[in-house]
Amino acid sequence: MTTSTLLKAGIAGTIVAALCCFTPVLVVLMTAVGLSAWIGWLDYMLIPALAVFVGLTLYAWRRRRVESDCCTVPTVGTPGTTGVQR
């Protein structure tokens, strides 16, 4: 997977898990579908999912930062670079 795909998946998963954890959206949907007996088990699934997606977002963000830092090559003679000017 590319870094941008990981970052997008992490952000989308974090938003969905946070909405389901902190708002009654999932409770209303599960009640409407007829799965209200599972509502008691939602915290056991959503809190770890939120942690995983936040971790994925942080990992992808750090990986993207490292890739952008290592791939930039400063040119010799430009202000702010440490190189021998010829």
Protein backbone atom coordinates (compact mmCIF):
# COMPACT_ATOMS: atom_id res chain seq x y z
CA MET A 1 0.00 0.00 0.00
CA THR A 2 1.13 3.48 -0.67
CA THR A 3 1.53 6.01 2.08
CA SER A 4 -1.35 8.16 0.87
CA THR A 5 -3.67 5.13 0.80
CA LEU A 6 -2.67 4.22 4.35
CA LEU A 7 -3.23 7.78 5.49
CA LYS A 8 -6.65 8.02 3.85
CA ALA A 9 -7.74 4.65 5.30
CA GLY A 10 -6.51 5.65 8.75
CA ILE A 11 -8.30 8.98 8.73
CA ALA A 12 -11.54 7.50 7.38
CA GLY A 13 -11.49 4.66 9.90
CA THR A 14 -10.75 7.04 12.75
CA ILE A 15 -13.66 9.28 11.80
CA VAL A 16 -16.10 6.37 11.47
CA ALA A 17 -14.98 4.74 14.73
CA ALA A 18 -15.09 8.06 16.58
CA LEU A 19 -18.60 8.79 15.28
CA CYS A 20 -19.79 5.38 16.36
CA CYS A 21 -18.09 5.61 19.76
CA PHE A 22 -19.13 9.09 20.79
CA THR A 23 -22.52 9.53 19.15
CA PRO A 24 -25.62 7.34 19.19
CA VAL A 25 -25.49 6.84 15.40
CA LEU A 26 -24.57 3.15 15.60
CA VAL A 27 -27.07 2.46 18.38
CA VAL A 28 -29.91 3.93 16.32
CA LEU A 29 -28.84 2.01 13.21
CA MET A 30 -28.52 -1.30 15.06
CA THR A 31 -31.90 -0.81 16.69
CA ALA A 32 -33.51 -0.04 13.34
CA VAL A 33 -32.02 -3.20 11.81
CA GLY A 34 -33.09 -5.33 14.76
CA LEU A 35 -29.69 -6.01 16.26
CA SER A 36 -30.24 -4.14 19.50
CA ALA A 37 -29.07 -7.15 21.54
CA TRP A 38 -25.51 -6.48 20.31
CA ILE A 39 -25.42 -2.90 21.61
CA GLY A 40 -23.87 -4.02 24.91
CA TRP A 41 -20.87 -5.47 23.07
CA LEU A 42 -20.12 -2.39 20.94
CA ASP A 43 -17.55 -0.93 23.33
CA TYR A 44 -15.49 -4.11 23.20
CA MET A 45 -15.20 -3.70 19.45
CA LEU A 46 -15.23 0.06 18.82
CA ILE A 47 -12.65 1.24 21.35
CA PRO A 48 -9.92 -1.13 20.03
CA ALA A 49 -10.93 -0.26 16.45
CA LEU A 50 -10.52 3.42 17.25
CA ALA A 51 -7.08 2.75 18.74
CA VAL A 52 -6.02 0.73 15.69
CA PHE A 53 -7.15 3.39 13.23
CA VAL A 54 -5.50 6.20 15.20
CA GLY A 55 -2.30 4.12 15.24
CA LEU A 56 -2.58 3.52 11.49
CA THR A 57 -3.03 7.24 10.89
CA LEU A 58 0.01 8.12 13.00
CA TYR A 59 2.11 5.42 11.30
CA ALA A 60 1.16 6.60 7.81
CA TRP A 61 1.74 10.25 8.72
CA ARG A 62 5.20 9.46 10.11
CA ARG A 63 6.06 7.27 7.11
CA ARG A 64 4.97 10.02 4.74
CA ARG A 65 7.11 12.55 6.60
CA VAL A 66 10.17 10.30 6.51
CA GLU A 67 9.71 9.62 2.79
CA SER A 68 9.42 13.30 1.98
CA ASP A 69 12.48 14.17 4.10
CA CYS A 70 14.73 11.50 2.64
CA CYS A 71 13.82 12.11 -0.97
CA THR A 72 14.59 15.82 -1.11
CA VAL A 73 18.10 16.48 -2.34
CA PRO A 74 19.46 19.94 -1.65
CA THR A 75 21.34 21.53 -4.51
CA VAL A 76 24.83 22.85 -3.97
CA GLY A 77 25.11 26.60 -3.74
CA THR A 78 21.56 27.43 -2.68
CA PRO A 79 21.12 29.43 0.50
CA GLY A 80 20.55 27.32 3.59
CA THR A 81 22.30 24.17 2.36
CA THR A 82 25.52 22.74 3.68
CA GLY A 83 27.55 21.96 0.63
CA VAL A 84 30.75 23.04 -0.98
CA GLN A 85 30.13 25.75 -3.49
CA ARG A 86 32.26 25.51 -6.59
